[in-house]
């Protein structure tokens, strides 16, 4: 008898160089015993952290999203989760919204990682209009995983006024939950020097939890994708939100320390491949 495993529709871009998006999502979920069905939104020869980005290969796959959705619907496929990350245009966001409407069934978890910026700055492709579209997409999610830059955009707040104490972070988490309608994991939380972690609001019971780890040196790309993928994998394995968040915080911290010890160039992203065995 075949024992089905959880299946995830992962809507992300694919970069040939630089650990991020699908090059993280696919191996991480697979190592955790989850079938990952990728929906590539674009192909890039290298992510934008590499030099000469103006000469990078870029293939827009937006038109394939709707066709993929229609084909999967014809096949009668069901998904335990739909997981979206960086989206490059309003058209892509519209296609993703349509895909979610097509594939989502009772019990399907819709996770939106509202990738729009970091360190107080939006990414260069994100206009105010595109940010509004991402906020609209996140409005229909069961779970979102913003950093503080993205949380400020979602709340219409100034990033410079972000909270640094637990009471302030709790308030932001509650507001991000849309009055308890969705769960939230806020990354980049730090209450004192040398620590970095996350906080969550669990819509199931309305409780808030925090998880902290040692803050490693370096700013490695892909840590957000790694965090959200582990979080999702743990949830689909039956763990609660707080426990899944804690596992994700710890694993990302260890990978960052490992990458720093090996002197991995930050533009190549966090090195996690030789630590995947811990997720099996």
C-alpha atoms as a PDB file:
ATOM      1  CA  UNK A   1       0.000   0.000   0.000  1.00  0.00           C
ATOM      2  CA  UNK A   2       1.388   3.405  -0.990  1.00  0.00           C
ATOM      3  CA  UNK A   3       1.578   5.854   1.906  1.00  0.00           C
ATOM      4  CA  UNK A   4       1.044   9.373   0.526  1.00  0.00           C
ATOM      5  CA  UNK A   5       3.347  12.116   1.703  1.00  0.00           C
ATOM      6  CA  UNK A   6       2.460  15.823   1.919  1.00  0.00           C
ATOM      7  CA  UNK A   7       2.586  17.694  -1.382  1.00  0.00           C
ATOM      8  CA  UNK A   8       3.434  21.400  -1.735  1.00  0.00           C
ATOM      9  CA  UNK A   9       2.987  23.690  -4.735  1.00  0.00           C
ATOM     10  CA  UNK A  10       6.024  25.979  -4.445  1.00  0.00           C
ATOM     11  CA  UNK A  11       5.715  29.194  -6.460  1.00  0.00           C
ATOM     12  CA  UNK A  12       9.197  30.755  -6.608  1.00  0.00           C
ATOM     13  CA  UNK A  13      11.863  31.847  -9.071  1.00  0.00           C
ATOM     14  CA  UNK A  14      14.895  29.735  -9.964  1.00  0.00           C
ATOM     15  CA  UNK A  15      18.471  31.048  -9.944  1.00  0.00           C
ATOM     16  CA  UNK A  16      21.390  29.168 -11.445  1.00  0.00           C
ATOM     17  CA  UNK A  17      23.829  30.812  -9.017  1.00  0.00           C
ATOM     18  CA  UNK A  18      23.136  32.001  -5.505  1.00  0.00           C
ATOM     19  CA  UNK A  19      21.267  29.901  -2.977  1.00  0.00           C
ATOM     20  CA  UNK A  20      17.705  31.207  -2.826  1.00  0.00           C
ATOM     21  CA  UNK A  21      14.118  30.429  -3.779  1.00  0.00           C
ATOM     22  CA  UNK A  22      13.689  27.049  -5.496  1.00  0.00           C
ATOM     23  CA  UNK A  23      17.318  25.976  -5.072  1.00  0.00           C
ATOM     24  CA  UNK A  24      16.591  26.031  -1.335  1.00  0.00           C
ATOM     25  CA  UNK A  25      12.902  25.141  -1.250  1.00  0.00           C
ATOM     26  CA  UNK A  26      13.200  21.947  -3.306  1.00  0.00           C
ATOM     27  CA  UNK A  27      16.037  20.195  -1.430  1.00  0.00           C
ATOM     28  CA  UNK A  28      14.838  21.277   2.014  1.00  0.00           C
ATOM     29  CA  UNK A  29      11.272  20.052   1.596  1.00  0.00           C
ATOM     30  CA  UNK A  30      12.461  16.868  -0.119  1.00  0.00           C
ATOM     31  CA  UNK A  31      14.848  16.118   2.748  1.00  0.00           C
ATOM     32  CA  UNK A  32      11.945  16.527   5.149  1.00  0.00           C
ATOM     33  CA  UNK A  33       9.920  13.895   3.301  1.00  0.00           C
ATOM     34  CA  UNK A  34       7.616  16.269   1.445  1.00  0.00           C
ATOM     35  CA  UNK A  35       6.877  16.234  -2.274  1.00  0.00           C
ATOM     36  CA  UNK A  36       7.651  19.639  -3.736  1.00  0.00           C
ATOM     37  CA  UNK A  37       5.910  20.522  -6.993  1.00  0.00           C
ATOM     38  CA  UNK A  38       7.732  23.616  -8.290  1.00  0.00           C
ATOM     39  CA  UNK A  39       6.056  26.441 -10.170  1.00  0.00           C
ATOM     40  CA  UNK A  40       9.003  28.507 -11.502  1.00  0.00           C
ATOM     41  CA  UNK A  41       8.024  32.144 -11.972  1.00  0.00           C
ATOM     42  CA  UNK A  42      11.298  33.062 -13.700  1.00  0.00           C
ATOM     43  CA  UNK A  43      14.759  31.709 -14.464  1.00  0.00           C
ATOM     44  CA  UNK A  44      17.862  33.782 -13.694  1.00  0.00           C
ATOM     45  CA  UNK A  45      21.412  32.717 -14.481  1.00  0.00           C
ATOM     46  CA  UNK A  46      22.456  34.310 -11.169  1.00  0.00           C
ATOM     47  CA  UNK A  47      20.704  36.250  -8.465  1.00  0.00           C
ATOM     48  CA  UNK A  48      21.186  39.996  -8.182  1.00  0.00           C
ATOM     49  CA  UNK A  49      23.903  39.695  -5.514  1.00  0.00           C
ATOM     50  CA  UNK A  50      26.387  38.745  -8.242  1.00  0.00           C
ATOM     51  CA  UNK A  51      28.179  41.398 -10.329  1.00  0.00           C
ATOM     52  CA  UNK A  52      27.258  42.224 -13.932  1.00  0.00           C
ATOM     53  CA  UNK A  53      23.574  41.626 -13.201  1.00  0.00           C
ATOM     54  CA  UNK A  54      22.727  43.614 -16.328  1.00  0.00           C
ATOM     55  CA  UNK A  55      24.125  40.701 -18.372  1.00  0.00           C
ATOM     56  CA  UNK A  56      22.355  37.981 -16.416  1.00  0.00           C
ATOM     57  CA  UNK A  57      19.959  35.669 -18.217  1.00  0.00           C
ATOM     58  CA  UNK A  58      16.346  36.373 -17.254  1.00  0.00           C
ATOM     59  CA  UNK A  59      13.460  34.297 -18.535  1.00  0.00           C
ATOM     60  CA  UNK A  60       9.983  35.418 -17.478  1.00  0.00           C
ATOM     61  CA  UNK A  61       7.753  32.376 -16.930  1.00  0.00           C
ATOM     62  CA  UNK A  62       4.637  34.269 -15.838  1.00  0.00           C
ATOM     63  CA  UNK A  63       2.486  32.888 -18.641  1.00  0.00           C
ATOM     64  CA  UNK A  64       3.253  29.330 -17.560  1.00  0.00           C
ATOM     65  CA  UNK A  65       1.705  29.781 -14.108  1.00  0.00           C
ATOM     66  CA  UNK A  66      -1.909  29.804 -15.328  1.00  0.00           C
ATOM     67  CA  UNK A  67      -1.249  26.934 -17.745  1.00  0.00           C
ATOM     68  CA  UNK A  68       0.306  24.859 -14.978  1.00  0.00           C
ATOM     69  CA  UNK A  69      -2.637  25.567 -12.711  1.00  0.00           C
ATOM     70  CA  UNK A  70      -5.132  24.501 -15.378  1.00  0.00           C
ATOM     71  CA  UNK A  71      -3.215  21.293 -16.131  1.00  0.00           C
ATOM     72  CA  UNK A  72      -2.961  20.323 -12.471  1.00  0.00           C
ATOM     73  CA  UNK A  73      -6.677  20.970 -12.015  1.00  0.00           C
ATOM     74  CA  UNK A  74      -7.426  18.664 -14.964  1.00  0.00           C
ATOM     75  CA  UNK A  75      -5.288  15.983 -13.335  1.00  0.00           C
ATOM     76  CA  UNK A  76      -7.282  16.324 -10.126  1.00  0.00           C
ATOM     77  CA  UNK A  77      -4.204  16.954  -8.010  1.00  0.00           C
ATOM     78  CA  UNK A  78      -4.581  17.959  -4.376  1.00  0.00           C
ATOM     79  CA  UNK A  79      -2.051  19.917  -2.328  1.00  0.00           C
ATOM     80  CA  UNK A  80      -1.443  20.102   1.387  1.00  0.00           C
ATOM     81  CA  UNK A  81       0.058  23.563   0.991  1.00  0.00           C
ATOM     82  CA  UNK A  82       0.616  26.329  -1.530  1.00  0.00           C
ATOM     83  CA  UNK A  83       3.773  28.322  -0.803  1.00  0.00           C
ATOM     84  CA  UNK A  84       4.692  31.553  -2.596  1.00  0.00           C
ATOM     85  CA  UNK A  85       7.806  33.713  -2.330  1.00  0.00           C
ATOM     86  CA  UNK A  86       9.341  36.501  -4.407  1.00  0.00           C
ATOM     87  CA  UNK A  87       7.068  37.654  -7.240  1.00  0.00           C
ATOM     88  CA  UNK A  88       8.355  40.041  -9.869  1.00  0.00           C
ATOM     89  CA  UNK A  89       5.257  41.753 -11.249  1.00  0.00           C
ATOM     90  CA  UNK A  90       1.601  42.532 -10.620  1.00  0.00           C
ATOM     91  CA  UNK A  91       0.742  40.062 -13.378  1.00  0.00           C
ATOM     92  CA  UNK A  92       2.539  37.266 -11.529  1.00  0.00           C
ATOM     93  CA  UNK A  93       0.694  38.099  -8.330  1.00  0.00           C
ATOM     94  CA  UNK A  94      -2.625  37.964 -10.186  1.00  0.00           C
ATOM     95  CA  UNK A  95      -1.702  34.568 -11.643  1.00  0.00           C
ATOM     96  CA  UNK A  96      -0.719  33.274  -8.207  1.00  0.00           C
ATOM     97  CA  UNK A  97      -4.014  34.451  -6.731  1.00  0.00           C
ATOM     98  CA  UNK A  98      -5.878  32.592  -9.484  1.00  0.00           C
ATOM     99  CA  UNK A  99      -3.752  29.488  -8.945  1.00  0.00           C
ATOM    100  CA  UNK A 100      -4.518  29.496  -5.233  1.00  0.00           C
ATOM    101  CA  UNK A 101      -8.242  29.758  -5.952  1.00  0.00           C
ATOM    102  CA  UNK A 102      -7.947  26.766  -8.286  1.00  0.00           C
ATOM    103  CA  UNK A 103      -5.805  24.505  -6.099  1.00  0.00           C
ATOM    104  CA  UNK A 104      -6.910  25.421  -2.608  1.00  0.00           C
ATOM    105  CA  UNK A 105      -9.215  22.988  -0.885  1.00  0.00           C
ATOM    106  CA  UNK A 106     -10.373  22.532   2.669  1.00  0.00           C
ATOM    107  CA  UNK A 107      -7.264  21.890   4.704  1.00  0.00           C
ATOM    108  CA  UNK A 108      -4.817  23.362   2.173  1.00  0.00           C
ATOM    109  CA  UNK A 109      -2.372  25.684   3.939  1.00  0.00           C
ATOM    110  CA  UNK A 110      -1.571  28.861   2.006  1.00  0.00           C
ATOM    111  CA  UNK A 111       1.773  30.310   3.098  1.00  0.00           C
ATOM    112  CA  UNK A 112       2.845  33.679   1.708  1.00  0.00           C
ATOM    113  CA  UNK A 113       6.403  34.822   2.253  1.00  0.00           C
ATOM    114  CA  UNK A 114       5.765  38.475   1.263  1.00  0.00           C
ATOM    115  CA  UNK A 115       9.224  39.135  -0.157  1.00  0.00           C
ATOM    116  CA  UNK A 116       9.405  42.877  -0.779  1.00  0.00           C
ATOM    117  CA  UNK A 117      12.600  44.156   0.836  1.00  0.00           C
ATOM    118  CA  UNK A 118      15.003  44.091   3.763  1.00  0.00           C
ATOM    119  CA  UNK A 119      16.887  46.442   6.088  1.00  0.00           C
ATOM    120  CA  UNK A 120      14.300  49.171   5.581  1.00  0.00           C
ATOM    121  CA  UNK A 121      14.548  49.225   1.782  1.00  0.00           C
ATOM    122  CA  UNK A 122      12.223  47.674  -0.801  1.00  0.00           C
ATOM    123  CA  UNK A 123      13.817  45.703  -3.616  1.00  0.00           C
ATOM    124  CA  UNK A 124      14.366  47.770  -6.744  1.00  0.00           C
ATOM    125  CA  UNK A 125      11.553  46.038  -8.672  1.00  0.00           C
ATOM    126  CA  UNK A 126       8.974  46.759  -5.962  1.00  0.00           C
ATOM    127  CA  UNK A 127       6.933  49.867  -6.671  1.00  0.00           C
ATOM    128  CA  UNK A 128       4.279  51.101  -4.220  1.00  0.00           C
ATOM    129  CA  UNK A 129       1.641  49.555  -6.511  1.00  0.00           C
ATOM    130  CA  UNK A 130       3.392  46.187  -6.483  1.00  0.00           C
ATOM    131  CA  UNK A 131       3.666  46.326  -2.692  1.00  0.00           C
ATOM    132  CA  UNK A 132      -0.093  46.902  -2.523  1.00  0.00           C
ATOM    133  CA  UNK A 133      -0.653  43.849  -4.698  1.00  0.00           C
ATOM    134  CA  UNK A 134       1.578  41.735  -2.444  1.00  0.00           C
ATOM    135  CA  UNK A 135      -0.327  42.976   0.599  1.00  0.00           C
ATOM    136  CA  UNK A 136      -3.553  41.927  -1.090  1.00  0.00           C
ATOM    137  CA  UNK A 137      -2.166  38.449  -1.808  1.00  0.00           C
ATOM    138  CA  UNK A 138      -0.990  38.112   1.797  1.00  0.00           C
ATOM    139  CA  UNK A 139      -4.469  39.136   2.935  1.00  0.00           C
ATOM    140  CA  UNK A 140      -5.781  35.738   1.832  1.00  0.00           C
ATOM    141  CA  UNK A 141      -2.995  33.685   3.419  1.00  0.00           C
ATOM    142  CA  UNK A 142      -3.295  31.295   6.343  1.00  0.00           C
ATOM    143  CA  UNK A 143       0.286  32.095   7.359  1.00  0.00           C
ATOM    144  CA  UNK A 144       2.723  34.891   6.468  1.00  0.00           C
ATOM    145  CA  UNK A 145       6.453  35.130   7.247  1.00  0.00           C
ATOM    146  CA  UNK A 146       7.528  38.779   6.855  1.00  0.00           C
ATOM    147  CA  UNK A 147      10.707  40.430   8.072  1.00  0.00           C
ATOM    148  CA  UNK A 148      10.440  43.853   9.716  1.00  0.00           C
ATOM    149  CA  UNK A 149      10.714  45.733   6.423  1.00  0.00           C
ATOM    150  CA  UNK A 150       7.847  43.735   4.957  1.00  0.00           C
ATOM    151  CA  UNK A 151       5.847  43.913   8.184  1.00  0.00           C
ATOM    152  CA  UNK A 152       6.110  47.716   8.117  1.00  0.00           C
ATOM    153  CA  UNK A 153       4.792  47.747   4.530  1.00  0.00           C
ATOM    154  CA  UNK A 154       1.925  45.418   5.425  1.00  0.00           C
ATOM    155  CA  UNK A 155       0.978  47.623   8.370  1.00  0.00           C
ATOM    156  CA  UNK A 156       1.544  50.959   6.625  1.00  0.00           C
ATOM    157  CA  UNK A 157       4.177  51.879   9.220  1.00  0.00           C
ATOM    158  CA  UNK A 158       7.557  53.592   8.966  1.00  0.00           C
ATOM    159  CA  UNK A 159      10.361  51.037   9.249  1.00  0.00           C
ATOM    160  CA  UNK A 160      12.296  53.457  11.448  1.00  0.00           C
ATOM    161  CA  UNK A 161       9.500  53.190  14.036  1.00  0.00           C
ATOM    162  CA  UNK A 162       9.702  49.399  14.273  1.00  0.00           C
ATOM    163  CA  UNK A 163       9.485  48.010  17.818  1.00  0.00           C
ATOM    164  CA  UNK A 164      12.502  46.713  19.712  1.00  0.00           C
ATOM    165  CA  UNK A 165      10.805  45.471  22.876  1.00  0.00           C
ATOM    166  CA  UNK A 166       8.548  42.474  23.383  1.00  0.00           C
ATOM    167  CA  UNK A 167       5.433  44.570  24.012  1.00  0.00           C
ATOM    168  CA  UNK A 168       5.869  46.433  20.731  1.00  0.00           C
ATOM    169  CA  UNK A 169       6.581  43.276  18.750  1.00  0.00           C
ATOM    170  CA  UNK A 170       3.517  41.629  20.287  1.00  0.00           C
ATOM    171  CA  UNK A 171       1.404  44.549  19.126  1.00  0.00           C
ATOM    172  CA  UNK A 172       2.750  44.260  15.561  1.00  0.00           C
ATOM    173  CA  UNK A 173       2.139  40.509  15.544  1.00  0.00           C
ATOM    174  CA  UNK A 174      -1.455  40.986  16.646  1.00  0.00           C
ATOM    175  CA  UNK A 175      -2.050  43.649  13.997  1.00  0.00           C
ATOM    176  CA  UNK A 176      -0.419  41.511  11.297  1.00  0.00           C
ATOM    177  CA  UNK A 177      -2.787  38.672  12.192  1.00  0.00           C
ATOM    178  CA  UNK A 178      -5.763  40.714  10.921  1.00  0.00           C
ATOM    179  CA  UNK A 179      -7.609  40.265  14.193  1.00  0.00           C
ATOM    180  CA  UNK A 180      -6.644  36.623  14.466  1.00  0.00           C
ATOM    181  CA  UNK A 181      -7.606  35.598  10.919  1.00  0.00           C
ATOM    182  CA  UNK A 182      -4.112  34.428   9.935  1.00  0.00           C
ATOM    183  CA  UNK A 183      -1.004  33.157  11.682  1.00  0.00           C
ATOM    184  CA  UNK A 184       2.164  35.238  11.524  1.00  0.00           C
ATOM    185  CA  UNK A 185       5.846  34.525  11.967  1.00  0.00           C
ATOM    186  CA  UNK A 186       7.903  37.716  12.126  1.00  0.00           C
ATOM    187  CA  UNK A 187      11.612  37.200  11.436  1.00  0.00           C
ATOM    188  CA  UNK A 188      14.574  39.364  12.415  1.00  0.00           C
ATOM    189  CA  UNK A 189      13.375  39.833  16.002  1.00  0.00           C
ATOM    190  CA  UNK A 190      16.071  40.895  18.479  1.00  0.00           C
ATOM    191  CA  UNK A 191      15.661  42.175  22.017  1.00  0.00           C
ATOM    192  CA  UNK A 192      19.346  42.445  22.900  1.00  0.00           C
ATOM    193  CA  UNK A 193      22.718  42.585  21.193  1.00  0.00           C
ATOM    194  CA  UNK A 194      24.041  39.267  19.938  1.00  0.00           C
ATOM    195  CA  UNK A 195      20.703  37.498  19.532  1.00  0.00           C
ATOM    196  CA  UNK A 196      18.389  37.105  16.570  1.00  0.00           C
ATOM    197  CA  UNK A 197      15.234  35.114  16.122  1.00  0.00           C
ATOM    198  CA  UNK A 198      11.542  35.267  15.405  1.00  0.00           C
ATOM    199  CA  UNK A 199       8.162  35.752  16.991  1.00  0.00           C
ATOM    200  CA  UNK A 200       4.851  34.168  16.056  1.00  0.00           C
ATOM    201  CA  UNK A 201       1.134  34.664  16.505  1.00  0.00           C
ATOM    202  CA  UNK A 202      -0.786  31.395  16.284  1.00  0.00           C
ATOM    203  CA  UNK A 203      -4.334  31.929  15.055  1.00  0.00           C
ATOM    204  CA  UNK A 204      -5.441  28.611  16.514  1.00  0.00           C
ATOM    205  CA  UNK A 205      -5.162  29.808  20.113  1.00  0.00           C
ATOM    206  CA  UNK A 206      -4.217  33.489  19.829  1.00  0.00           C
ATOM    207  CA  UNK A 207      -0.943  32.935  21.675  1.00  0.00           C
ATOM    208  CA  UNK A 208       2.377  34.649  20.938  1.00  0.00           C
ATOM    209  CA  UNK A 209       5.769  32.960  21.216  1.00  0.00           C
ATOM    210  CA  UNK A 210       9.393  33.984  20.674  1.00  0.00           C
ATOM    211  CA  UNK A 211      12.472  31.969  19.763  1.00  0.00           C
ATOM    212  CA  UNK A 212      16.022  33.339  19.832  1.00  0.00           C
ATOM    213  CA  UNK A 213      19.456  32.150  18.743  1.00  0.00           C
ATOM    214  CA  UNK A 214      22.957  33.572  18.658  1.00  0.00           C
ATOM    215  CA  UNK A 215      23.355  36.191  15.932  1.00  0.00           C
ATOM    216  CA  UNK A 216      26.080  35.095  13.554  1.00  0.00           C
ATOM    217  CA  UNK A 217      28.329  37.410  11.579  1.00  0.00           C
ATOM    218  CA  UNK A 218      27.556  38.000   7.924  1.00  0.00           C
ATOM    219  CA  UNK A 219      24.457  38.623   5.849  1.00  0.00           C
ATOM    220  CA  UNK A 220      24.001  35.450   3.839  1.00  0.00           C
ATOM    221  CA  UNK A 221      21.345  35.400   1.152  1.00  0.00           C
ATOM    222  CA  UNK A 222      18.604  32.789   1.210  1.00  0.00           C
ATOM    223  CA  UNK A 223      18.129  32.612   4.977  1.00  0.00           C
ATOM    224  CA  UNK A 224      14.527  33.784   4.651  1.00  0.00           C
ATOM    225  CA  UNK A 225      13.735  31.065   2.106  1.00  0.00           C
ATOM    226  CA  UNK A 226      15.489  28.490   4.275  1.00  0.00           C
ATOM    227  CA  UNK A 227      13.547  29.592   7.349  1.00  0.00           C
ATOM    228  CA  UNK A 228      10.120  29.571   5.684  1.00  0.00           C
ATOM    229  CA  UNK A 229      10.748  26.195   4.024  1.00  0.00           C
ATOM    230  CA  UNK A 230      11.730  24.502   7.284  1.00  0.00           C
ATOM    231  CA  UNK A 231       8.786  26.138   9.054  1.00  0.00           C
ATOM    232  CA  UNK A 232       6.378  24.820   6.428  1.00  0.00           C
ATOM    233  CA  UNK A 233       7.925  21.361   6.441  1.00  0.00           C
ATOM    234  CA  UNK A 234       7.576  21.052  10.197  1.00  0.00           C
ATOM    235  CA  UNK A 235       3.978  22.225  10.105  1.00  0.00           C
ATOM    236  CA  UNK A 236       3.111  19.625   7.471  1.00  0.00           C
ATOM    237  CA  UNK A 237       4.719  17.000   9.690  1.00  0.00           C
ATOM    238  CA  UNK A 238       2.230  17.871  12.407  1.00  0.00           C
ATOM    239  CA  UNK A 239       4.212  20.192  14.652  1.00  0.00           C
ATOM    240  CA  UNK A 240       2.688  23.309  16.182  1.00  0.00           C
ATOM    241  CA  UNK A 241       3.640  26.767  14.962  1.00  0.00           C
ATOM    242  CA  UNK A 242       5.811  27.682  17.949  1.00  0.00           C
ATOM    243  CA  UNK A 243       7.788  24.429  17.810  1.00  0.00           C
ATOM    244  CA  UNK A 244       8.195  24.664  14.027  1.00  0.00           C
ATOM    245  CA  UNK A 245       9.442  28.251  14.389  1.00  0.00           C
ATOM    246  CA  UNK A 246      11.961  27.254  17.045  1.00  0.00           C
ATOM    247  CA  UNK A 247      13.349  24.467  14.870  1.00  0.00           C
ATOM    248  CA  UNK A 248      13.640  26.836  11.909  1.00  0.00           C
ATOM    249  CA  UNK A 249      15.414  29.506  13.973  1.00  0.00           C
ATOM    250  CA  UNK A 250      17.928  26.993  15.320  1.00  0.00           C
ATOM    251  CA  UNK A 251      18.664  25.380  11.955  1.00  0.00           C
ATOM    252  CA  UNK A 252      19.133  28.686  10.122  1.00  0.00           C
ATOM    253  CA  UNK A 253      21.439  29.898  12.901  1.00  0.00           C
ATOM    254  CA  UNK A 254      23.579  26.757  12.648  1.00  0.00           C
ATOM    255  CA  UNK A 255      23.760  27.071   8.865  1.00  0.00           C
ATOM    256  CA  UNK A 256      24.805  30.717   9.157  1.00  0.00           C
ATOM    257  CA  UNK A 257      27.538  29.792  11.660  1.00  0.00           C
ATOM    258  CA  UNK A 258      28.657  26.957   9.396  1.00  0.00           C
ATOM    259  CA  UNK A 259      28.807  29.276   6.385  1.00  0.00           C
ATOM    260  CA  UNK A 260      30.769  31.916   8.304  1.00  0.00           C
ATOM    261  CA  UNK A 261      33.264  29.330   9.571  1.00  0.00           C
ATOM    262  CA  UNK A 262      33.855  28.138   5.996  1.00  0.00           C
ATOM    263  CA  UNK A 263      34.206  31.769   4.824  1.00  0.00           C
ATOM    264  CA  UNK A 264      31.510  31.300   2.192  1.00  0.00           C
ATOM    265  CA  UNK A 265      31.057  34.507   0.148  1.00  0.00           C
ATOM    266  CA  UNK A 266      27.810  36.128   1.249  1.00  0.00           C
ATOM    267  CA  UNK A 267      26.640  36.541  -2.348  1.00  0.00           C
ATOM    268  CA  UNK A 268      26.577  32.728  -2.752  1.00  0.00           C
ATOM    269  CA  UNK A 269      24.020  32.401   0.004  1.00  0.00           C
ATOM    270  CA  UNK A 270      23.898  30.341   3.159  1.00  0.00           C
ATOM    271  CA  UNK A 271      25.501  26.891   2.797  1.00  0.00           C
ATOM    272  CA  UNK A 272      23.002  24.301   3.968  1.00  0.00           C
ATOM    273  CA  UNK A 273      23.529  21.303   1.678  1.00  0.00           C
ATOM    274  CA  UNK A 274      25.926  19.426   3.951  1.00  0.00           C
ATOM    275  CA  UNK A 275      23.539  19.931   6.888  1.00  0.00           C
ATOM    276  CA  UNK A 276      20.413  18.555   5.212  1.00  0.00           C
ATOM    277  CA  UNK A 277      20.884  15.231   6.978  1.00  0.00           C
ATOM    278  CA  UNK A 278      19.700  16.944  10.154  1.00  0.00           C
ATOM    279  CA  UNK A 279      16.307  17.503   8.546  1.00  0.00           C
ATOM    280  CA  UNK A 280      15.767  13.911   7.446  1.00  0.00           C
END
